[in-house]
Amino acid sequence: EEVLFYVLEQTCIGGVSYLLVTEDEEEDSYAYILKEIQT
């Protein structure tokens, strides 16, 4: 299943990129942290 996430913030720690994302751009909702694993 494909989900559209809105990126709230991005950071890079130890050469690894992380995204803080949410499913809802306007309302309070669950947030998820994604880790870049491959380019």
Full PDB file with SEQRES, HELIX, SHEET, SSBOND, CRYST1, ORIGX, SCALE, CONECT and MASTER records, all heavy atoms in Angstrom:
SEQRES   1 A   39  GLU GLU VAL LEU PHE TYR VAL LEU GLU GLN THR CYS ILE          
SEQRES   2 A   39  GLY GLY VAL SER TYR LEU LEU VAL THR GLU ASP GLU GLU          
SEQRES   3 A   39  GLU ASP SER TYR ALA TYR ILE LEU LYS GLU ILE GLN THR          
SHEET    1 AA1 3 TYR A   6  ILE A  13  0                                        
SHEET    2 AA1 3 VAL A  16  THR A  22 -1                                        
SHEET    3 AA1 3 ALA A  31  LYS A  35 -1                                        
CRYST1    1.000    1.000    1.000  90.00  90.00  90.00 P 1           1          
ORIGX1      1.000000  0.000000  0.000000        0.00000                         
ORIGX2      0.000000  1.000000  0.000000        0.00000                         
ORIGX3      0.000000  0.000000  1.000000        0.00000                         
SCALE1      1.000000  0.000000  0.000000        0.00000                         
SCALE2      0.000000  1.000000  0.000000        0.00000                         
SCALE3      0.000000  0.000000  1.000000        0.00000                         
ATOM      1  N   GLU A   1       0.842  -1.197   0.000  1.00  0.00           N  
ATOM      2  CA  GLU A   1       0.000   0.000   0.000  1.00  0.00           C  
ATOM      3  C   GLU A   1       0.878   1.249   0.000  1.00  0.00           C  
ATOM      4  O   GLU A   1       1.883   1.328   0.697  1.00  0.00           O  
ATOM      5  CB  GLU A   1      -0.889  -0.010   1.245  1.00  0.00           C  
ATOM      6  CG  GLU A   1      -1.821   1.164   1.334  1.00  0.00           C  
ATOM      7  CD  GLU A   1      -2.677   1.129   2.593  1.00  0.00           C  
ATOM      8  OE1 GLU A   1      -2.870   0.045   3.160  1.00  0.00           O  
ATOM      9  OE2 GLU A   1      -3.141   2.198   2.992  1.00  0.00           O  
ATOM     10  N   GLU A   2       0.479   2.245  -0.785  1.00  0.00           N  
ATOM     11  CA  GLU A   2       1.220   3.491  -0.863  1.00  0.00           C  
ATOM     12  C   GLU A   2       0.568   4.531   0.044  1.00  0.00           C  
ATOM     13  O   GLU A   2      -0.653   4.678   0.046  1.00  0.00           O  
ATOM     14  CB  GLU A   2       1.240   3.996  -2.302  1.00  0.00           C  
ATOM     15  CG  GLU A   2       2.204   5.133  -2.528  1.00  0.00           C  
ATOM     16  CD  GLU A   2       2.323   5.498  -3.985  1.00  0.00           C  
ATOM     17  OE1 GLU A   2       1.542   6.346  -4.433  1.00  0.00           O  
ATOM     18  OE2 GLU A   2       3.191   4.918  -4.663  1.00  0.00           O  
ATOM     19  N   VAL A   3       1.398   5.237   0.825  1.00  0.00           N  
ATOM     20  CA  VAL A   3       0.927   6.244   1.765  1.00  0.00           C  
ATOM     21  C   VAL A   3       1.652   7.547   1.471  1.00  0.00           C  
ATOM     22  O   VAL A   3       2.856   7.544   1.204  1.00  0.00           O  
ATOM     23  CB  VAL A   3       1.221   5.812   3.226  1.00  0.00           C  
ATOM     24  CG1 VAL A   3       0.733   6.856   4.204  1.00  0.00           C  
ATOM     25  CG2 VAL A   3       0.627   4.455   3.525  1.00  0.00           C  
ATOM     26  N   LEU A   4       0.916   8.652   1.521  1.00  0.00           N  
ATOM     27  CA  LEU A   4       1.524   9.961   1.348  1.00  0.00           C  
ATOM     28  C   LEU A   4       1.869  10.509   2.732  1.00  0.00           C  
ATOM     29  O   LEU A   4       1.006  10.618   3.604  1.00  0.00           O  
ATOM     30  CB  LEU A   4       0.556  10.912   0.637  1.00  0.00           C  
ATOM     31  CG  LEU A   4       1.080  12.320   0.371  1.00  0.00           C  
ATOM     32  CD1 LEU A   4       2.245  12.279  -0.626  1.00  0.00           C  
ATOM     33  CD2 LEU A   4      -0.030  13.203  -0.158  1.00  0.00           C  
ATOM     34  N   PHE A   5       3.144  10.821   2.950  1.00  0.00           N  
ATOM     35  CA  PHE A   5       3.594  11.398   4.207  1.00  0.00           C  
ATOM     36  C   PHE A   5       4.036  12.836   3.973  1.00  0.00           C  
ATOM     37  O   PHE A   5       4.589  13.169   2.921  1.00  0.00           O  
ATOM     38  CB  PHE A   5       4.793  10.637   4.774  1.00  0.00           C  
ATOM     39  CG  PHE A   5       4.456   9.324   5.428  1.00  0.00           C  
ATOM     40  CD1 PHE A   5       5.205   8.196   5.143  1.00  0.00           C  
ATOM     41  CD2 PHE A   5       3.445   9.219   6.348  1.00  0.00           C  
ATOM     42  CE1 PHE A   5       4.927   6.982   5.753  1.00  0.00           C  
ATOM     43  CE2 PHE A   5       3.157   8.012   6.972  1.00  0.00           C  
ATOM     44  CZ  PHE A   5       3.902   6.893   6.664  1.00  0.00           C  
ATOM     45  N   TYR A   6       3.804  13.674   4.966  1.00  0.00           N  
ATOM     46  CA  TYR A   6       4.274  15.051   4.953  1.00  0.00           C  
ATOM     47  C   TYR A   6       5.511  15.136   5.834  1.00  0.00           C  
ATOM     48  O   TYR A   6       5.505  14.652   6.964  1.00  0.00           O  
ATOM     49  CB  TYR A   6       3.179  15.995   5.461  1.00  0.00           C  
ATOM     50  CG  TYR A   6       1.976  15.981   4.567  1.00  0.00           C  
ATOM     51  CD1 TYR A   6       0.912  15.122   4.815  1.00  0.00           C  
ATOM     52  CD2 TYR A   6       1.933  16.783   3.430  1.00  0.00           C  
ATOM     53  CE1 TYR A   6      -0.178  15.091   3.969  1.00  0.00           C  
ATOM     54  CE2 TYR A   6       0.846  16.746   2.579  1.00  0.00           C  
ATOM     55  CZ  TYR A   6      -0.208  15.896   2.856  1.00  0.00           C  
ATOM     56  OH  TYR A   6      -1.278  15.851   2.006  1.00  0.00           O  
ATOM     57  N   VAL A   7       6.564  15.737   5.316  1.00  0.00           N  
ATOM     58  CA  VAL A   7       7.840  15.821   6.035  1.00  0.00           C  
ATOM     59  C   VAL A   7       7.811  17.026   6.972  1.00  0.00           C  
ATOM     60  O   VAL A   7       7.688  18.163   6.529  1.00  0.00           O  
ATOM     61  CB  VAL A   7       9.020  15.931   5.042  1.00  0.00           C  
ATOM     62  CG1 VAL A   7      10.335  16.038   5.806  1.00  0.00           C  
ATOM     63  CG2 VAL A   7       9.034  14.750   4.085  1.00  0.00           C  
ATOM     64  N   LEU A   8       7.918  16.750   8.267  1.00  0.00           N  
ATOM     65  CA  LEU A   8       7.943  17.811   9.272  1.00  0.00           C  
ATOM     66  C   LEU A   8       9.357  18.329   9.496  1.00  0.00           C  
ATOM     67  O   LEU A   8       9.573  19.512   9.701  1.00  0.00           O  
ATOM     68  CB  LEU A   8       7.386  17.302  10.603  1.00  0.00           C  
ATOM     69  CG  LEU A   8       5.941  16.814  10.598  1.00  0.00           C  
ATOM     70  CD1 LEU A   8       5.585  16.223  11.947  1.00  0.00           C  
ATOM     71  CD2 LEU A   8       5.002  17.950  10.239  1.00  0.00           C  
ATOM     72  N   GLU A   9      10.323  17.415   9.485  1.00  0.00           N  
ATOM     73  CA  GLU A   9      11.711  17.787   9.754  1.00  0.00           C  
ATOM     74  C   GLU A   9      12.633  16.709   9.220  1.00  0.00           C  
ATOM     75  O   GLU A   9      12.221  15.574   9.023  1.00  0.00           O  
ATOM     76  CB  GLU A   9      11.908  17.956  11.262  1.00  0.00           C  
ATOM     77  CG  GLU A   9      13.212  18.598  11.669  1.00  0.00           C  
ATOM     78  CD  GLU A   9      13.390  20.011  11.147  1.00  0.00           C  
ATOM     79  OE1 GLU A   9      12.766  20.939  11.669  1.00  0.00           O  
ATOM     80  OE2 GLU A   9      14.180  20.161  10.193  1.00  0.00           O  
ATOM     81  N   GLN A  10      13.881  17.092   9.000  1.00  0.00           N  
ATOM     82  CA  GLN A  10      14.894  16.163   8.516  1.00  0.00           C  
ATOM     83  C   GLN A  10      16.180  16.429   9.282  1.00  0.00           C  
ATOM     84  O   GLN A  10      16.486  17.572   9.624  1.00  0.00           O  
ATOM     85  CB  GLN A  10      15.128  16.372   7.021  1.00  0.00           C  
ATOM     86  CG  GLN A  10      16.197  15.470   6.454  1.00  0.00           C  
ATOM     87  CD  GLN A  10      16.363  15.647   4.935  1.00  0.00           C  
ATOM     88  OE1 GLN A  10      15.675  16.442   4.309  1.00  0.00           O  
ATOM     89  NE2 GLN A  10      17.277  14.904   4.374  1.00  0.00           N  
ATOM     90  N   THR A  11      16.927  15.359   9.559  1.00  0.00           N  
ATOM     91  CA  THR A  11      18.224  15.506  10.214  1.00  0.00           C  
ATOM     92  C   THR A  11      19.164  14.417   9.703  1.00  0.00           C  
ATOM     93  O   THR A  11      18.716  13.411   9.153  1.00  0.00           O  
ATOM     94  CB  THR A  11      18.099  15.453  11.754  1.00  0.00           C  
ATOM     95  OG1 THR A  11      19.344  15.854  12.332  1.00  0.00           O  
ATOM     96  CG2 THR A  11      17.729  14.065  12.241  1.00  0.00           C  
ATOM     97  N   CYS A  12      20.430  14.639   9.900  1.00  0.00           N  
ATOM     98  CA  CYS A  12      21.443  13.663   9.517  1.00  0.00           C  
ATOM     99  C   CYS A  12      22.327  13.412  10.734  1.00  0.00           C  
ATOM    100  O   CYS A  12      22.890  14.353  11.299  1.00  0.00           O  
ATOM    101  CB  CYS A  12      22.269  14.197   8.348  1.00  0.00           C  
ATOM    102  SG  CYS A  12      23.441  13.005   7.694  1.00  0.00           S  
ATOM    103  N   ILE A  13      22.404  12.149  11.149  1.00  0.00           N  
ATOM    104  CA  ILE A  13      23.192  11.782  12.319  1.00  0.00           C  
ATOM    105  C   ILE A  13      24.114  10.639  11.927  1.00  0.00           C  
ATOM    106  O   ILE A  13      23.652   9.606  11.428  1.00  0.00           O  
ATOM    107  CB  ILE A  13      22.284  11.347  13.484  1.00  0.00           C  
ATOM    108  CG1 ILE A  13      21.354  12.501  13.864  1.00  0.00           C  
ATOM    109  CG2 ILE A  13      23.112  10.884  14.671  1.00  0.00           C  
ATOM    110  CD1 ILE A  13      20.281  12.137  14.842  1.00  0.00           C  
ATOM    111  N   GLY A  14      25.391  10.851  12.115  1.00  0.00           N  
ATOM    112  CA  GLY A  14      26.367   9.817  11.783  1.00  0.00           C  
ATOM    113  C   GLY A  14      26.333   9.435  10.311  1.00  0.00           C  
ATOM    114  O   GLY A  14      26.555   8.278   9.978  1.00  0.00           O  
ATOM    115  N   GLY A  15      26.017  10.389   9.457  1.00  0.00           N  
ATOM    116  CA  GLY A  15      25.971  10.138   8.022  1.00  0.00           C  
ATOM    117  C   GLY A  15      24.684   9.471   7.543  1.00  0.00           C  
ATOM    118  O   GLY A  15      24.569   9.127   6.379  1.00  0.00           O  
ATOM    119  N   VAL A  16      23.716   9.303   8.445  1.00  0.00           N  
ATOM    120  CA  VAL A  16      22.438   8.671   8.094  1.00  0.00           C  
ATOM    121  C   VAL A  16      21.342   9.735   8.156  1.00  0.00           C  
ATOM    122  O   VAL A  16      21.226  10.457   9.145  1.00  0.00           O  
ATOM    123  CB  VAL A  16      22.097   7.517   9.067  1.00  0.00           C  
ATOM    124  CG1 VAL A  16      20.754   6.902   8.732  1.00  0.00           C  
ATOM    125  CG2 VAL A  16      23.194   6.461   9.040  1.00  0.00           C  
ATOM    126  N   SER A  17      20.537   9.818   7.106  1.00  0.00           N  
ATOM    127  CA  SER A  17      19.441  10.781   7.060  1.00  0.00           C  
ATOM    128  C   SER A  17      18.185  10.191   7.671  1.00  0.00           C  
ATOM    129  O   SER A  17      17.846   9.030   7.440  1.00  0.00           O  
ATOM    130  CB  SER A  17      19.136  11.185   5.612  1.00  0.00           C  
ATOM    131  OG  SER A  17      20.195  11.930   5.077  1.00  0.00           O  
ATOM    132  N   TYR A  18      17.493  11.016   8.460  1.00  0.00           N  
ATOM    133  CA  TYR A  18      16.233  10.640   9.086  1.00  0.00           C  
ATOM    134  C   TYR A  18      15.178  11.686   8.750  1.00  0.00           C  
ATOM    135  O   TYR A  18      15.488  12.880   8.683  1.00  0.00           O  
ATOM    136  CB  TYR A  18      16.370  10.578  10.605  1.00  0.00           C  
ATOM    137  CG  TYR A  18      17.280   9.483  11.102  1.00  0.00           C  
ATOM    138  CD1 TYR A  18      18.636   9.707  11.282  1.00  0.00           C  
ATOM    139  CD2 TYR A  18      16.782   8.221  11.393  1.00  0.00           C  
ATOM    140  CE1 TYR A  18      19.478   8.706  11.740  1.00  0.00           C  
ATOM    141  CE2 TYR A  18      17.620   7.207  11.853  1.00  0.00           C  
ATOM    142  CZ  TYR A  18      18.960   7.463  12.026  1.00  0.00           C  
ATOM    143  OH  TYR A  18      19.787   6.461  12.474  1.00  0.00           O  
ATOM    144  N   LEU A  19      13.944  11.233   8.567  1.00  0.00           N  
ATOM    145  CA  LEU A  19      12.816  12.126   8.338  1.00  0.00           C  
ATOM    146  C   LEU A  19      11.791  11.925   9.438  1.00  0.00           C  
ATOM    147  O   LEU A  19      11.488  10.797   9.822  1.00  0.00           O  
ATOM    148  CB  LEU A  19      12.139  11.826   7.000  1.00  0.00           C  
ATOM    149  CG  LEU A  19      12.953  11.945   5.728  1.00  0.00           C  
ATOM    150  CD1 LEU A  19      12.099  11.535   4.529  1.00  0.00           C  
ATOM    151  CD2 LEU A  19      13.481  13.352   5.542  1.00  0.00           C  
ATOM    152  N   LEU A  20      11.227  13.024   9.912  1.00  0.00           N  
ATOM    153  CA  LEU A  20      10.074  12.976  10.797  1.00  0.00           C  
ATOM    154  C   LEU A  20       8.873  13.293   9.916  1.00  0.00           C  
ATOM    155  O   LEU A  20       8.804  14.373   9.315  1.00  0.00           O  
ATOM    156  CB  LEU A  20      10.211  14.001  11.919  1.00  0.00           C  
ATOM    157  CG  LEU A  20       9.032  14.101  12.878  1.00  0.00           C  
ATOM    158  CD1 LEU A  20       8.858  12.801  13.664  1.00  0.00           C  
ATOM    159  CD2 LEU A  20       9.204  15.277  13.824  1.00  0.00           C  
ATOM    160  N   VAL A  21       7.954  12.352   9.804  1.00  0.00           N  
ATOM    161  CA  VAL A  21       6.832  12.501   8.879  1.00  0.00           C  
ATOM    162  C   VAL A  21       5.510  12.273   9.602  1.00  0.00           C  
ATOM    163  O   VAL A  21       5.458  11.666  10.674  1.00  0.00           O  
ATOM    164  CB  VAL A  21       6.945  11.525   7.679  1.00  0.00           C  
ATOM    165  CG1 VAL A  21       8.215  11.785   6.881  1.00  0.00           C  
ATOM    166  CG2 VAL A  21       6.890  10.073   8.131  1.00  0.00           C  
ATOM    167  N   THR A  22       4.430  12.752   8.977  1.00  0.00           N  
ATOM    168  CA  THR A  22       3.082  12.552   9.482  1.00  0.00           C  
ATOM    169  C   THR A  22       2.147  12.316   8.300  1.00  0.00           C  
ATOM    170  O   THR A  22       2.457  12.716   7.176  1.00  0.00           O  
ATOM    171  CB  THR A  22       2.619  13.756  10.333  1.00  0.00           C  
ATOM    172  OG1 THR A  22       1.349  13.482  10.899  1.00  0.00           O  
ATOM    173  CG2 THR A  22       2.551  15.024   9.512  1.00  0.00           C  
ATOM    174  N   GLU A  23       1.023  11.680   8.564  1.00  0.00           N  
ATOM    175  CA  GLU A  23       0.054  11.405   7.499  1.00  0.00           C  
ATOM    176  C   GLU A  23      -0.872  12.581   7.237  1.00  0.00           C  
ATOM    177  O   GLU A  23      -1.451  12.672   6.168  1.00  0.00           O  
ATOM    178  CB  GLU A  23      -0.797  10.176   7.856  1.00  0.00           C  
ATOM    179  CG  GLU A  23      -0.012   8.888   7.848  1.00  0.00           C  
ATOM    180  CD  GLU A  23      -0.882   7.693   8.173  1.00  0.00           C  
ATOM    181  OE1 GLU A  23      -1.967   7.570   7.582  1.00  0.00           O  
ATOM    182  OE2 GLU A  23      -0.475   6.890   9.022  1.00  0.00           O  
ATOM    183  N   ASP A  24      -1.032  13.471   8.203  1.00  0.00           N  
ATOM    184  CA  ASP A  24      -1.978  14.579   8.084  1.00  0.00           C  
ATOM    185  C   ASP A  24      -1.237  15.902   8.188  1.00  0.00           C  
ATOM    186  O   ASP A  24      -0.584  16.171   9.193  1.00  0.00           O  
ATOM    187  CB  ASP A  24      -3.043  14.464   9.173  1.00  0.00           C  
ATOM    188  CG  ASP A  24      -4.242  15.348   8.924  1.00  0.00           C  
ATOM    189  OD1 ASP A  24      -4.085  16.409   8.279  1.00  0.00           O  
ATOM    190  OD2 ASP A  24      -5.333  14.987   9.378  1.00  0.00           O  
ATOM    191  N   GLU A  25      -1.371  16.729   7.175  1.00  0.00           N  
ATOM    192  CA  GLU A  25      -0.638  17.990   7.131  1.00  0.00           C  
ATOM    193  C   GLU A  25      -1.195  19.026   8.116  1.00  0.00           C  
ATOM    194  O   GLU A  25      -0.450  19.833   8.652  1.00  0.00           O  
ATOM    195  CB  GLU A  25      -0.700  18.552   5.709  1.00  0.00           C  
ATOM    196  CG  GLU A  25       0.091  19.806   5.499  1.00  0.00           C  
ATOM    197  CD  GLU A  25       0.076  20.276   4.064  1.00  0.00           C  
ATOM    198  OE1 GLU A  25      -0.811  19.883   3.293  1.00  0.00           O  
ATOM    199  OE2 GLU A  25       0.971  21.048   3.708  1.00  0.00           O  
ATOM    200  N   GLU A  26      -2.480  18.995   8.386  1.00  0.00           N  
ATOM    201  CA  GLU A  26      -3.120  20.048   9.166  1.00  0.00           C  
ATOM    202  C   GLU A  26      -3.443  19.672  10.614  1.00  0.00           C  
ATOM    203  O   GLU A  26      -3.387  20.496  11.501  1.00  0.00           O  
ATOM    204  CB  GLU A  26      -4.427  20.478   8.479  1.00  0.00           C  
ATOM    205  CG  GLU A  26      -4.227  20.984   7.056  1.00  0.00           C  
ATOM    206  CD  GLU A  26      -3.440  22.273   6.998  1.00  0.00           C  
ATOM    207  OE1 GLU A  26      -3.589  23.119   7.899  1.00  0.00           O  
ATOM    208  OE2 GLU A  26      -2.657  22.435   6.046  1.00  0.00           O  
ATOM    209  N   GLU A  27      -3.829  18.446  10.872  1.00  0.00           N  
ATOM    210  CA  GLU A  27      -4.329  18.021  12.179  1.00  0.00           C  
ATOM    211  C   GLU A  27      -3.246  17.315  12.992  1.00  0.00           C  
ATOM    212  O   GLU A  27      -2.221  16.918  12.465  1.00  0.00           O  
ATOM    213  CB  GLU A  27      -5.497  17.037  11.972  1.00  0.00           C  
ATOM    214  CG  GLU A  27      -6.580  17.547  11.064  1.00  0.00           C  
ATOM    215  CD  GLU A  27      -7.633  18.356  11.789  1.00  0.00           C  
ATOM    216  OE1 GLU A  27      -7.885  18.056  12.963  1.00  0.00           O  
ATOM    217  OE2 GLU A  27      -8.181  19.273  11.179  1.00  0.00           O  
ATOM    218  N   ASP A  28      -3.526  17.125  14.270  1.00  0.00           N  
ATOM    219  CA  ASP A  28      -2.669  16.267  15.085  1.00  0.00           C  
ATOM    220  C   ASP A  28      -2.798  14.841  14.569  1.00  0.00           C  
ATOM    221  O   ASP A  28      -3.899  14.377  14.276  1.00  0.00           O  
ATOM    222  CB  ASP A  28      -3.100  16.291  16.548  1.00  0.00           C  
ATOM    223  CG  ASP A  28      -2.718  17.589  17.245  1.00  0.00           C  
ATOM    224  OD1 ASP A  28      -1.898  18.334  16.697  1.00  0.00           O  
ATOM    225  OD2 ASP A  28      -3.249  17.846  18.345  1.00  0.00           O  
ATOM    226  N   SER A  29      -1.711  14.172  14.442  1.00  0.00           N  
ATOM    227  CA  SER A  29      -1.753  12.782  13.986  1.00  0.00           C  
ATOM    228  C   SER A  29      -0.477  12.083  14.433  1.00  0.00           C  
ATOM    229  O   SER A  29       0.425  12.692  14.990  1.00  0.00           O  
ATOM    230  CB  SER A  29      -1.909  12.690  12.469  1.00  0.00           C  
ATOM    231  OG  SER A  29      -0.759  13.152  11.813  1.00  0.00           O  
ATOM    232  N   TYR A  30      -0.430  10.807  14.164  1.00  0.00           N  
ATOM    233  CA  TYR A  30       0.764  10.038  14.489  1.00  0.00           C  
ATOM    234  C   TYR A  30       1.927  10.527  13.635  1.00  0.00           C  
ATOM    235  O   TYR A  30       1.752  10.892  12.477  1.00  0.00           O  
ATOM    236  CB  TYR A  30       0.551   8.550  14.226  1.00  0.00           C  
ATOM    237  CG  TYR A  30      -0.395   7.896  15.195  1.00  0.00           C  
ATOM    238  CD1 TYR A  30      -1.675   7.541  14.803  1.00  0.00           C  
ATOM    239  CD2 TYR A  30       0.001   7.640  16.499  1.00  0.00           C  
ATOM    240  CE1 TYR A  30      -2.548   6.943  15.699  1.00  0.00           C  
ATOM    241  CE2 TYR A  30      -0.864   7.042  17.402  1.00  0.00           C  
ATOM    242  CZ  TYR A  30      -2.137   6.702  16.994  1.00  0.00           C  
ATOM    243  OH  TYR A  30      -2.997   6.114  17.876  1.00  0.00           O  
ATOM    244  N   ALA A  31       3.102  10.509  14.229  1.00  0.00           N  
ATOM    245  CA  ALA A  31       4.322  10.840  13.502  1.00  0.00           C  
ATOM    246  C   ALA A  31       5.177   9.587  13.438  1.00  0.00           C  
ATOM    247  O   ALA A  31       5.109   8.722  14.312  1.00  0.00           O  
ATOM    248  CB  ALA A  31       5.079  11.968  14.198  1.00  0.00           C  
ATOM    249  N   TYR A  32       5.958   9.492  12.385  1.00  0.00           N  
ATOM    250  CA  TYR A  32       6.825   8.340  12.173  1.00  0.00           C  
ATOM    251  C   TYR A  32       8.219   8.849  11.851  1.00  0.00           C  
ATOM    252  O   TYR A  32       8.389   9.930  11.278  1.00  0.00           O  
ATOM    253  CB  TYR A  32       6.322   7.486  11.002  1.00  0.00           C  
ATOM    254  CG  TYR A  32       4.890   7.072  11.151  1.00  0.00           C  
ATOM    255  CD1 TYR A  32       3.873   7.804  10.553  1.00  0.00           C  
ATOM    256  CD2 TYR A  32       4.542   5.942  11.896  1.00  0.00           C  
ATOM    257  CE1 TYR A  32       2.546   7.428  10.688  1.00  0.00           C  
ATOM    258  CE2 TYR A  32       3.225   5.558  12.032  1.00  0.00           C  
ATOM    259  CZ  TYR A  32       2.225   6.314  11.426  1.00  0.00           C  
ATOM    260  OH  TYR A  32       0.916   5.934  11.574  1.00  0.00           O  
ATOM    261  N   ILE A  33       9.206   8.057  12.191  1.00  0.00           N  
ATOM    262  CA  ILE A  33      10.582   8.396  11.844  1.00  0.00           C  
ATOM    263  C   ILE A  33      11.046   7.387  10.805  1.00  0.00           C  
ATOM    264  O   ILE A  33      10.978   6.178  11.018  1.00  0.00           O  
ATOM    265  CB  ILE A  33      11.500   8.396  13.076  1.00  0.00           C  
ATOM    266  CG1 ILE A  33      11.047   9.494  14.046  1.00  0.00           C  
ATOM    267  CG2 ILE A  33      12.960   8.600  12.657  1.00  0.00           C  
ATOM    268  CD1 ILE A  33      11.828   9.563  15.338  1.00  0.00           C  
ATOM    269  N   LEU A  34      11.483   7.927   9.674  1.00  0.00           N  
ATOM    270  CA  LEU A  34      11.994   7.111   8.576  1.00  0.00           C  
ATOM    271  C   LEU A  34      13.502   7.285   8.491  1.00  0.00           C  
ATOM    272  O   LEU A  34      14.032   8.371   8.710  1.00  0.00           O  
ATOM    273  CB  LEU A  34      11.363   7.521   7.245  1.00  0.00           C  
ATOM    274  CG  LEU A  34       9.836   7.521   7.165  1.00  0.00           C  
ATOM    275  CD1 LEU A  34       9.395   7.985   5.784  1.00  0.00           C  
ATOM    276  CD2 LEU A  34       9.290   6.145   7.458  1.00  0.00           C  
ATOM    277  N   LYS A  35      14.170   6.208   8.132  1.00  0.00           N  
ATOM    278  CA  LYS A  35      15.634   6.186   8.023  1.00  0.00           C  
ATOM    279  C   LYS A  35      15.999   5.870   6.584  1.00  0.00           C  
ATOM    280  O   LYS A  35      15.468   4.925   5.994  1.00  0.00           O  
ATOM    281  CB  LYS A  35      16.171   5.097   8.950  1.00  0.00           C  
ATOM    282  CG  LYS A  35      17.650   4.870   8.882  1.00  0.00           C  
ATOM    283  CD  LYS A  35      18.021   3.733   9.831  1.00  0.00           C  
ATOM    284  CE  LYS A  35      19.496   3.465   9.855  1.00  0.00           C  
ATOM    285  NZ  LYS A  35      19.841   2.417  10.831  1.00  0.00           N  
ATOM    286  N   GLU A  36      16.910   6.668   6.007  1.00  0.00           N  
ATOM    287  CA  GLU A  36      17.380   6.390   4.649  1.00  0.00           C  
ATOM    288  C   GLU A  36      18.234   5.128   4.687  1.00  0.00           C  
ATOM    289  O   GLU A  36      19.201   5.050   5.436  1.00  0.00           O  
ATOM    290  CB  GLU A  36      18.199   7.559   4.125  1.00  0.00           C  
ATOM    291  CG  GLU A  36      18.674   7.366   2.707  1.00  0.00           C  
ATOM    292  CD  GLU A  36      19.477   8.542   2.203  1.00  0.00           C  
ATOM    293  OE1 GLU A  36      19.059   9.705   2.401  1.00  0.00           O  
ATOM    294  OE2 GLU A  36      20.542   8.289   1.630  1.00  0.00           O  
ATOM    295  N   ILE A  37      17.851   4.152   3.868  1.00  0.00           N  
ATOM    296  CA  ILE A  37      18.613   2.904   3.873  1.00  0.00           C  
ATOM    297  C   ILE A  37      19.334   2.654   2.559  1.00  0.00           C  
ATOM    298  O   ILE A  37      20.243   1.826   2.510  1.00  0.00           O  
ATOM    299  CB  ILE A  37      17.716   1.693   4.216  1.00  0.00           C  
ATOM    300  CG1 ILE A  37      16.564   1.551   3.228  1.00  0.00           C  
ATOM    301  CG2 ILE A  37      17.217   1.793   5.642  1.00  0.00           C  
ATOM    302  CD1 ILE A  37      15.798   0.259   3.371  1.00  0.00           C  
ATOM    303  N   GLN A  38      18.930   3.366   1.495  1.00  0.00           N  
ATOM    304  CA  GLN A  38      19.583   3.139   0.201  1.00  0.00           C  
ATOM    305  C   GLN A  38      19.271   4.293  -0.729  1.00  0.00           C  
ATOM    306  O   GLN A  38      18.173   4.851  -0.711  1.00  0.00           O  
ATOM    307  CB  GLN A  38      19.057   1.838  -0.404  1.00  0.00           C  
ATOM    308  CG  GLN A  38      19.650   1.479  -1.732  1.00  0.00           C  
ATOM    309  CD  GLN A  38      19.070   0.169  -2.269  1.00  0.00           C  
ATOM    310  OE1 GLN A  38      18.408  -0.574  -1.574  1.00  0.00           O  
ATOM    311  NE2 GLN A  38      19.322  -0.095  -3.511  1.00  0.00           N  
ATOM    312  N   THR A  39      20.246   4.645  -1.559  1.00  0.00           N  
ATOM    313  CA  THR A  39      20.049   5.628  -2.614  1.00  0.00           C  
ATOM    314  C   THR A  39      20.404   4.969  -3.925  1.00  0.00           C  
ATOM    315  O   THR A  39      21.484   4.395  -4.064  1.00  0.00           O  
ATOM    316  CB  THR A  39      20.932   6.870  -2.391  1.00  0.00           C  
ATOM    317  OG1 THR A  39      20.643   7.409  -1.102  1.00  0.00           O  
ATOM    318  CG2 THR A  39      20.687   7.918  -3.449  1.00  0.00           C  
TER     319      THR A  39                                                      
MASTER        0    0    0    0    3    0    0    6  318    1    0    3          
END                                                                             
